Amino acid sequence: MAVPKKRRSKAKGRTRLSNWKAKGRTTADKALNLAKSIVKKRSTFIFDPKKKKVEENSSKDENNNVKVEQTAEDNITEQ
């Protein structure tokens, strides 16, 4: 189990906590602003979950093809 080498000061801990909370606030504000703009029909944002899945699957396929090509080259050089 990972154990810290030195004790973190209260000031560092508090700044890390405040930064973590601030990041959540900013993302919440961005989401709220996006929702407001969509409701007022001023937004050009379009979310298509199917498109995201297709992109993820294509990137996985490309990675698998690269691995297959590398292993085939390695087999040729070994023989």
PDB file of N, CA and C in Angstrom:
ATOM      1  N   MET A   1       0.840  -1.179   0.000  1.00  0.00           N
ATOM      2  CA  MET A   1       0.000   0.000   0.000  1.00  0.00           C
ATOM      3  C   MET A   1       0.883   1.239   0.000  1.00  0.00           C
ATOM      4  N   ALA A   2       0.518   2.248  -0.784  1.00  0.00           N
ATOM      5  CA  ALA A   2       1.320   3.466  -0.896  1.00  0.00           C
ATOM      6  C   ALA A   2       1.178   4.320   0.360  1.00  0.00           C
ATOM      7  N   VAL A   3       2.324   4.755   0.846  1.00  0.00           N
ATOM      8  CA  VAL A   3       2.358   5.587   2.044  1.00  0.00           C
ATOM      9  C   VAL A   3       3.190   6.826   1.734  1.00  0.00           C
ATOM     10  N   PRO A   4       2.688   8.037   2.080  1.00  0.00           N
ATOM     11  CA  PRO A   4       3.478   9.239   1.809  1.00  0.00           C
ATOM     12  C   PRO A   4       4.749   9.276   2.653  1.00  0.00           C
ATOM     13  N   LYS A   5       5.824   9.814   2.068  1.00  0.00           N
ATOM     14  CA  LYS A   5       7.103   9.866   2.781  1.00  0.00           C
ATOM     15  C   LYS A   5       7.103  10.937   3.862  1.00  0.00           C
ATOM     16  N   LYS A   6       6.484  12.080   3.552  1.00  0.00           N
ATOM     17  CA  LYS A   6       6.464  13.184   4.518  1.00  0.00           C
ATOM     18  C   LYS A   6       5.038  13.653   4.745  1.00  0.00           C
ATOM     19  N   ARG A   7       4.826  14.288   5.863  1.00  0.00           N
ATOM     20  CA  ARG A   7       3.516  14.821   6.205  1.00  0.00           C
ATOM     21  C   ARG A   7       3.248  16.078   5.396  1.00  0.00           C
ATOM     22  N   ARG A   8       2.040  16.179   4.826  1.00  0.00           N
ATOM     23  CA  ARG A   8       1.659  17.366   4.071  1.00  0.00           C
ATOM     24  C   ARG A   8       1.149  18.435   5.033  1.00  0.00           C
ATOM     25  N   SER A   9       1.593  19.655   4.841  1.00  0.00           N
ATOM     26  CA  SER A   9       1.184  20.732   5.729  1.00  0.00           C
ATOM     27  C   SER A   9      -0.296  21.061   5.542  1.00  0.00           C
ATOM     28  N   LYS A  10      -0.888  21.713   6.530  1.00  0.00           N
ATOM     29  CA  LYS A  10      -2.300  22.091   6.447  1.00  0.00           C
ATOM     30  C   LYS A  10      -2.539  23.054   5.293  1.00  0.00           C
ATOM     31  N   ALA A  11      -1.606  23.961   5.072  1.00  0.00           N
ATOM     32  CA  ALA A  11      -1.784  24.950   4.004  1.00  0.00           C
ATOM     33  C   ALA A  11      -1.842  24.266   2.638  1.00  0.00           C
ATOM     34  N   LYS A  12      -0.942  23.318   2.408  1.00  0.00           N
ATOM     35  CA  LYS A  12      -0.947  22.612   1.130  1.00  0.00           C
ATOM     36  C   LYS A  12      -2.226  21.800   0.971  1.00  0.00           C
ATOM     37  N   GLY A  13      -2.655  21.162   2.031  1.00  0.00           N
ATOM     38  CA  GLY A  13      -3.877  20.379   1.976  1.00  0.00           C
ATOM     39  C   GLY A  13      -5.091  21.239   1.682  1.00  0.00           C
ATOM     40  N   ARG A  14      -5.132  22.400   2.319  1.00  0.00           N
ATOM     41  CA  ARG A  14      -6.266  23.305   2.095  1.00  0.00           C
ATOM     42  C   ARG A  14      -6.275  23.853   0.676  1.00  0.00           C
ATOM     43  N   THR A  15      -5.083  24.189   0.140  1.00  0.00           N
ATOM     44  CA  THR A  15      -5.055  24.710  -1.233  1.00  0.00           C
ATOM     45  C   THR A  15      -5.467  23.636  -2.223  1.00  0.00           C
ATOM     46  N   ARG A  16      -5.019  22.400  -2.002  1.00  0.00           N
ATOM     47  CA  ARG A  16      -5.417  21.309  -2.898  1.00  0.00           C
ATOM     48  C   ARG A  16      -6.928  21.086  -2.847  1.00  0.00           C
ATOM     49  N   LEU A  17      -7.494  21.138  -1.658  1.00  0.00           N
ATOM     50  CA  LEU A  17      -8.931  20.955  -1.502  1.00  0.00           C
ATOM     51  C   LEU A  17      -9.707  22.082  -2.184  1.00  0.00           C
ATOM     52  N   SER A  18      -9.247  23.320  -2.018  1.00  0.00           N
ATOM     53  CA  SER A  18      -9.951  24.450  -2.631  1.00  0.00           C
ATOM     54  C   SER A  18      -9.843  24.393  -4.153  1.00  0.00           C
ATOM     55  N   ASN A  19      -8.682  23.964  -4.671  1.00  0.00           N
ATOM     56  CA  ASN A  19      -8.541  23.818  -6.122  1.00  0.00           C
ATOM     57  C   ASN A  19      -9.474  22.732  -6.645  1.00  0.00           C
ATOM     58  N   TRP A  20      -9.586  21.643  -5.921  1.00  0.00           N
ATOM     59  CA  TRP A  20     -10.456  20.535  -6.316  1.00  0.00           C
ATOM     60  C   TRP A  20     -11.918  20.989  -6.341  1.00  0.00           C
ATOM     61  N   LYS A  21     -12.314  21.743  -5.317  1.00  0.00           N
ATOM     62  CA  LYS A  21     -13.685  22.246  -5.265  1.00  0.00           C
ATOM     63  C   LYS A  21     -13.940  23.269  -6.365  1.00  0.00           C
ATOM     64  N   ALA A  22     -12.961  24.122  -6.651  1.00  0.00           N
ATOM     65  CA  ALA A  22     -13.118  25.153  -7.676  1.00  0.00           C
ATOM     66  C   ALA A  22     -13.283  24.518  -9.052  1.00  0.00           C
ATOM     67  N   LYS A  23     -12.570  23.436  -9.308  1.00  0.00           N
ATOM     68  CA  LYS A  23     -12.692  22.751 -10.595  1.00  0.00           C
ATOM     69  C   LYS A  23     -14.120  22.236 -10.785  1.00  0.00           C
ATOM     70  N   GLY A  24     -14.707  21.723  -9.724  1.00  0.00           N
ATOM     71  CA  GLY A  24     -16.084  21.249  -9.796  1.00  0.00           C
ATOM     72  C   GLY A  24     -17.062  22.381 -10.046  1.00  0.00           C
ATOM     73  N   ARG A  25     -16.819  23.517  -9.400  1.00  0.00           N
ATOM     74  CA  ARG A  25     -17.697  24.670  -9.601  1.00  0.00           C
ATOM     75  C   ARG A  25     -17.637  25.170 -11.033  1.00  0.00           C
ATOM     76  N   THR A  26     -16.431  25.236 -11.612  1.00  0.00           N
ATOM     77  CA  THR A  26     -16.302  25.757 -12.972  1.00  0.00           C
ATOM     78  C   THR A  26     -16.977  24.824 -13.982  1.00  0.00           C
ATOM     79  N   THR A  27     -16.839  23.520 -13.801  1.00  0.00           N
ATOM     80  CA  THR A  27     -17.501  22.595 -14.730  1.00  0.00           C
ATOM     81  C   THR A  27     -19.016  22.673 -14.586  1.00  0.00           C
ATOM     82  N   ALA A  28     -19.492  22.861 -13.359  1.00  0.00           N
ATOM     83  CA  ALA A  28     -20.934  23.011 -13.142  1.00  0.00           C
ATOM     84  C   ALA A  28     -21.443  24.290 -13.802  1.00  0.00           C
ATOM     85  N   ASP A  29     -20.675  25.376 -13.698  1.00  0.00           N
ATOM     86  CA  ASP A  29     -21.057  26.634 -14.334  1.00  0.00           C
ATOM     87  C   ASP A  29     -21.101  26.489 -15.851  1.00  0.00           C
ATOM     88  N   LYS A  30     -20.098  25.804 -16.410  1.00  0.00           N
ATOM     89  CA  LYS A  30     -20.076  25.610 -17.860  1.00  0.00           C
ATOM     90  C   LYS A  30     -21.291  24.796 -18.318  1.00  0.00           C
ATOM     91  N   ALA A  31     -21.626  23.755 -17.560  1.00  0.00           N
ATOM     92  CA  ALA A  31     -22.773  22.924 -17.916  1.00  0.00           C
ATOM     93  C   ALA A  31     -24.064  23.722 -17.830  1.00  0.00           C
ATOM     94  N   LEU A  32     -24.191  24.553 -16.808  1.00  0.00           N
ATOM     95  CA  LEU A  32     -25.389  25.374 -16.655  1.00  0.00           C
ATOM     96  C   LEU A  32     -25.502  26.393 -17.783  1.00  0.00           C
ATOM     97  N   ASN A  33     -24.395  27.025 -18.144  1.00  0.00           N
ATOM     98  CA  ASN A  33     -24.414  27.991 -19.240  1.00  0.00           C
ATOM     99  C   ASN A  33     -24.781  27.314 -20.561  1.00  0.00           C
ATOM    100  N   LEU A  34     -24.265  26.106 -20.784  1.00  0.00           N
ATOM    101  CA  LEU A  34     -24.608  25.375 -21.997  1.00  0.00           C
ATOM    102  C   LEU A  34     -26.095  25.034 -22.015  1.00  0.00           C
ATOM    103  N   ALA A  35     -26.626  24.603 -20.881  1.00  0.00           N
ATOM    104  CA  ALA A  35     -28.046  24.267 -20.805  1.00  0.00           C
ATOM    105  C   ALA A  35     -28.913  25.495 -21.072  1.00  0.00           C
ATOM    106  N   LYS A  36     -28.516  26.630 -20.515  1.00  0.00           N
ATOM    107  CA  LYS A  36     -29.280  27.864 -20.736  1.00  0.00           C
ATOM    108  C   LYS A  36     -29.275  28.257 -22.211  1.00  0.00           C
ATOM    109  N   SER A  37     -28.097  28.129 -22.849  1.00  0.00           N
ATOM    110  CA  SER A  37     -28.017  28.516 -24.259  1.00  0.00           C
ATOM    111  C   SER A  37     -28.822  27.559 -25.141  1.00  0.00           C
ATOM    112  N   ILE A  38     -28.876  26.280 -24.767  1.00  0.00           N
ATOM    113  CA  ILE A  38     -29.676  25.323 -25.532  1.00  0.00           C
ATOM    114  C   ILE A  38     -31.159  25.640 -25.381  1.00  0.00           C
ATOM    115  N   VAL A  39     -31.576  25.987 -24.160  1.00  0.00           N
ATOM    116  CA  VAL A  39     -32.983  26.306 -23.916  1.00  0.00           C
ATOM    117  C   VAL A  39     -33.390  27.561 -24.690  1.00  0.00           C
ATOM    118  N   LYS A  40     -32.478  28.548 -24.752  1.00  0.00           N
ATOM    119  CA  LYS A  40     -32.782  29.784 -25.475  1.00  0.00           C
ATOM    120  C   LYS A  40     -32.528  29.659 -26.975  1.00  0.00           C
ATOM    121  N   LYS A  41     -32.074  28.476 -27.403  1.00  0.00           N
ATOM    122  CA  LYS A  41     -31.827  28.169 -28.813  1.00  0.00           C
ATOM    123  C   LYS A  41     -30.781  29.083 -29.430  1.00  0.00           C
ATOM    124  N   ARG A  42     -29.762  29.416 -28.649  1.00  0.00           N
ATOM    125  CA  ARG A  42     -28.637  30.190 -29.167  1.00  0.00           C
ATOM    126  C   ARG A  42     -27.416  29.309 -29.404  1.00  0.00           C
ATOM    127  N   SER A  43     -27.496  28.057 -29.002  1.00  0.00           N
ATOM    128  CA  SER A  43     -26.346  27.167 -29.063  1.00  0.00           C
ATOM    129  C   SER A  43     -26.302  26.408 -30.379  1.00  0.00           C
ATOM    130  N   THR A  44     -25.070  26.136 -30.838  1.00  0.00           N
ATOM    131  CA  THR A  44     -24.877  25.303 -32.019  1.00  0.00           C
ATOM    132  C   THR A  44     -24.354  23.930 -31.614  1.00  0.00           C
ATOM    133  N   PHE A  45     -24.381  23.650 -30.316  1.00  0.00           N
ATOM    134  CA  PHE A  45     -23.859  22.398 -29.777  1.00  0.00           C
ATOM    135  C   PHE A  45     -24.805  21.252 -30.085  1.00  0.00           C
ATOM    136  N   ILE A  46     -24.255  20.164 -30.631  1.00  0.00           N
ATOM    137  CA  ILE A  46     -25.049  18.963 -30.905  1.00  0.00           C
ATOM    138  C   ILE A  46     -24.279  17.782 -30.345  1.00  0.00           C
ATOM    139  N   PHE A  47     -24.924  17.003 -29.492  1.00  0.00           N
ATOM    140  CA  PHE A  47     -24.289  15.824 -28.900  1.00  0.00           C
ATOM    141  C   PHE A  47     -24.891  14.579 -29.517  1.00  0.00           C
ATOM    142  N   ASP A  48     -24.040  13.739 -30.069  1.00  0.00           N
ATOM    143  CA  ASP A  48     -24.481  12.486 -30.667  1.00  0.00           C
ATOM    144  C   ASP A  48     -23.706  11.349 -30.017  1.00  0.00           C
ATOM    145  N   PRO A  49     -24.313  10.625 -29.059  1.00  0.00           N
ATOM    146  CA  PRO A  49     -23.580   9.563 -28.360  1.00  0.00           C
ATOM    147  C   PRO A  49     -23.150   8.429 -29.277  1.00  0.00           C
ATOM    148  N   LYS A  50     -23.883   8.187 -30.368  1.00  0.00           N
ATOM    149  CA  LYS A  50     -23.513   7.124 -31.299  1.00  0.00           C
ATOM    150  C   LYS A  50     -22.191   7.453 -31.988  1.00  0.00           C
ATOM    151  N   LYS A  51     -21.995   8.714 -32.323  1.00  0.00           N
ATOM    152  CA  LYS A  51     -20.771   9.136 -32.985  1.00  0.00           C
ATOM    153  C   LYS A  51     -19.560   8.907 -32.088  1.00  0.00           C
ATOM    154  N   LYS A  52     -19.701   9.182 -30.813  1.00  0.00           N
ATOM    155  CA  LYS A  52     -18.603   8.988 -29.875  1.00  0.00           C
ATOM    156  C   LYS A  52     -18.231   7.509 -29.783  1.00  0.00           C
ATOM    157  N   LYS A  53     -19.214   6.621 -29.753  1.00  0.00           N
ATOM    158  CA  LYS A  53     -18.953   5.188 -29.680  1.00  0.00           C
ATOM    159  C   LYS A  53     -18.243   4.705 -30.938  1.00  0.00           C
ATOM    160  N   VAL A  54     -18.624   5.223 -32.090  1.00  0.00           N
ATOM    161  CA  VAL A  54     -17.996   4.824 -33.347  1.00  0.00           C
ATOM    162  C   VAL A  54     -16.530   5.249 -33.348  1.00  0.00           C
ATOM    163  N   GLU A  55     -16.237   6.465 -32.866  1.00  0.00           N
ATOM    164  CA  GLU A  55     -14.857   6.942 -32.821  1.00  0.00           C
ATOM    165  C   GLU A  55     -14.022   6.083 -31.884  1.00  0.00           C
ATOM    166  N   GLU A  56     -14.568   5.711 -30.728  1.00  0.00           N
ATOM    167  CA  GLU A  56     -13.826   4.889 -29.778  1.00  0.00           C
ATOM    168  C   GLU A  56     -13.536   3.513 -30.374  1.00  0.00           C
ATOM    169  N   ASN A  57     -14.522   2.918 -31.045  1.00  0.00           N
ATOM    170  CA  ASN A  57     -14.334   1.603 -31.643  1.00  0.00           C
ATOM    171  C   ASN A  57     -13.308   1.645 -32.764  1.00  0.00           C
ATOM    172  N   SER A  58     -13.317   2.707 -33.569  1.00  0.00           N
ATOM    173  CA  SER A  58     -12.359   2.795 -34.672  1.00  0.00           C
ATOM    174  C   SER A  58     -10.947   2.961 -34.148  1.00  0.00           C
ATOM    175  N   SER A  59     -10.768   3.697 -33.049  1.00  0.00           N
ATOM    176  CA  SER A  59      -9.428   3.855 -32.491  1.00  0.00           C
ATOM    177  C   SER A  59      -8.924   2.536 -31.919  1.00  0.00           C
ATOM    178  N   LYS A  60      -9.815   1.733 -31.347  1.00  0.00           N
ATOM    179  CA  LYS A  60      -9.409   0.421 -30.830  1.00  0.00           C
ATOM    180  C   LYS A  60      -8.999  -0.495 -31.972  1.00  0.00           C
ATOM    181  N   ASP A  61      -9.747  -0.455 -33.071  1.00  0.00           N
ATOM    182  CA  ASP A  61      -9.426  -1.290 -34.224  1.00  0.00           C
ATOM    183  C   ASP A  61      -8.079  -0.915 -34.813  1.00  0.00           C
ATOM    184  N   GLU A  62      -7.796   0.388 -34.895  1.00  0.00           N
ATOM    185  CA  GLU A  62      -6.518   0.840 -35.429  1.00  0.00           C
ATOM    186  C   GLU A  62      -5.369   0.349 -34.563  1.00  0.00           C
ATOM    187  N   ASN A  63      -5.532   0.413 -33.251  1.00  0.00           N
ATOM    188  CA  ASN A  63      -4.485  -0.050 -32.349  1.00  0.00           C
ATOM    189  C   ASN A  63      -4.249  -1.545 -32.502  1.00  0.00           C
ATOM    190  N   ASN A  64      -5.311  -2.321 -32.662  1.00  0.00           N
ATOM    191  CA  ASN A  64      -5.166  -3.762 -32.836  1.00  0.00           C
ATOM    192  C   ASN A  64      -4.438  -4.082 -34.138  1.00  0.00           C
ATOM    193  N   ASN A  65      -4.733  -3.348 -35.206  1.00  0.00           N
ATOM    194  CA  ASN A  65      -4.066  -3.578 -36.484  1.00  0.00           C
ATOM    195  C   ASN A  65      -2.575  -3.295 -36.376  1.00  0.00           C
ATOM    196  N   VAL A  66      -2.222  -2.256 -35.657  1.00  0.00           N
ATOM    197  CA  VAL A  66      -0.814  -1.914 -35.492  1.00  0.00           C
ATOM    198  C   VAL A  66      -0.098  -3.029 -34.749  1.00  0.00           C
ATOM    199  N   LYS A  67      -0.715  -3.560 -33.723  1.00  0.00           N
ATOM    200  CA  LYS A  67      -0.094  -4.632 -32.953  1.00  0.00           C
ATOM    201  C   LYS A  67       0.113  -5.869 -33.814  1.00  0.00           C
ATOM    202  N   VAL A  68      -0.859  -6.185 -34.650  1.00  0.00           N
ATOM    203  CA  VAL A  68      -0.753  -7.363 -35.512  1.00  0.00           C
ATOM    204  C   VAL A  68       0.389  -7.171 -36.496  1.00  0.00           C
ATOM    205  N   GLU A  69       0.513  -5.979 -37.072  1.00  0.00           N
ATOM    206  CA  GLU A  69       1.582  -5.721 -38.030  1.00  0.00           C
ATOM    207  C   GLU A  69       2.951  -5.827 -37.370  1.00  0.00           C
ATOM    208  N   GLN A  70       3.075  -5.312 -36.162  1.00  0.00           N
ATOM    209  CA  GLN A  70       4.354  -5.367 -35.462  1.00  0.00           C
ATOM    210  C   GLN A  70       4.747  -6.804 -35.159  1.00  0.00           C
ATOM    211  N   THR A  71       3.810  -7.625 -34.734  1.00  0.00           N
ATOM    212  CA  THR A  71       4.150  -9.007 -34.417  1.00  0.00           C
ATOM    213  C   THR A  71       4.517  -9.766 -35.681  1.00  0.00           C
ATOM    214  N   ALA A  72       3.880  -9.465 -36.807  1.00  0.00           N
ATOM    215  CA  ALA A  72       4.209 -10.139 -38.053  1.00  0.00           C
ATOM    216  C   ALA A  72       5.628  -9.770 -38.489  1.00  0.00           C
ATOM    217  N   GLU A  73       6.011  -8.515 -38.341  1.00  0.00           N
ATOM    218  CA  GLU A  73       7.367  -8.086 -38.698  1.00  0.00           C
ATOM    219  C   GLU A  73       8.401  -8.745 -37.793  1.00  0.00           C
ATOM    220  N   ASP A  74       8.082  -8.836 -36.511  1.00  0.00           N
ATOM    221  CA  ASP A  74       8.998  -9.447 -35.571  1.00  0.00           C
ATOM    222  C   ASP A  74       9.236 -10.916 -35.923  1.00  0.00           C
ATOM    223  N   ASN A  75       8.181 -11.627 -36.322  1.00  0.00           N
ATOM    224  CA  ASN A  75       8.309 -13.028 -36.689  1.00  0.00           C
ATOM    225  C   ASN A  75       9.195 -13.216 -37.920  1.00  0.00           C
ATOM    226  N   ILE A  76       9.106 -12.304 -38.865  1.00  0.00           N
ATOM    227  CA  ILE A  76       9.910 -12.389 -40.084  1.00  0.00           C
ATOM    228  C   ILE A  76      11.393 -12.196 -39.752  1.00  0.00           C
ATOM    229  N   THR A  77      11.703 -11.215 -38.906  1.00  0.00           N
ATOM    230  CA  THR A  77      13.095 -10.939 -38.574  1.00  0.00           C
ATOM    231  C   THR A  77      13.712 -12.053 -37.749  1.00  0.00           C
ATOM    232  N   GLU A  78      12.921 -12.750 -36.936  1.00  0.00           N
ATOM    233  CA  GLU A  78      13.432 -13.828 -36.107  1.00  0.00           C
ATOM    234  C   GLU A  78      13.794 -15.048 -36.942  1.00  0.00           C
ATOM    235  N   GLN A  79      13.067 -15.291 -38.007  1.00  0.00           N
ATOM    236  CA  GLN A  79      13.316 -16.475 -38.834  1.00  0.00           C
ATOM    237  C   GLN A  79      14.479 -16.195 -39.717  1.00  0.00           C
TER     238      GLN A  79
END
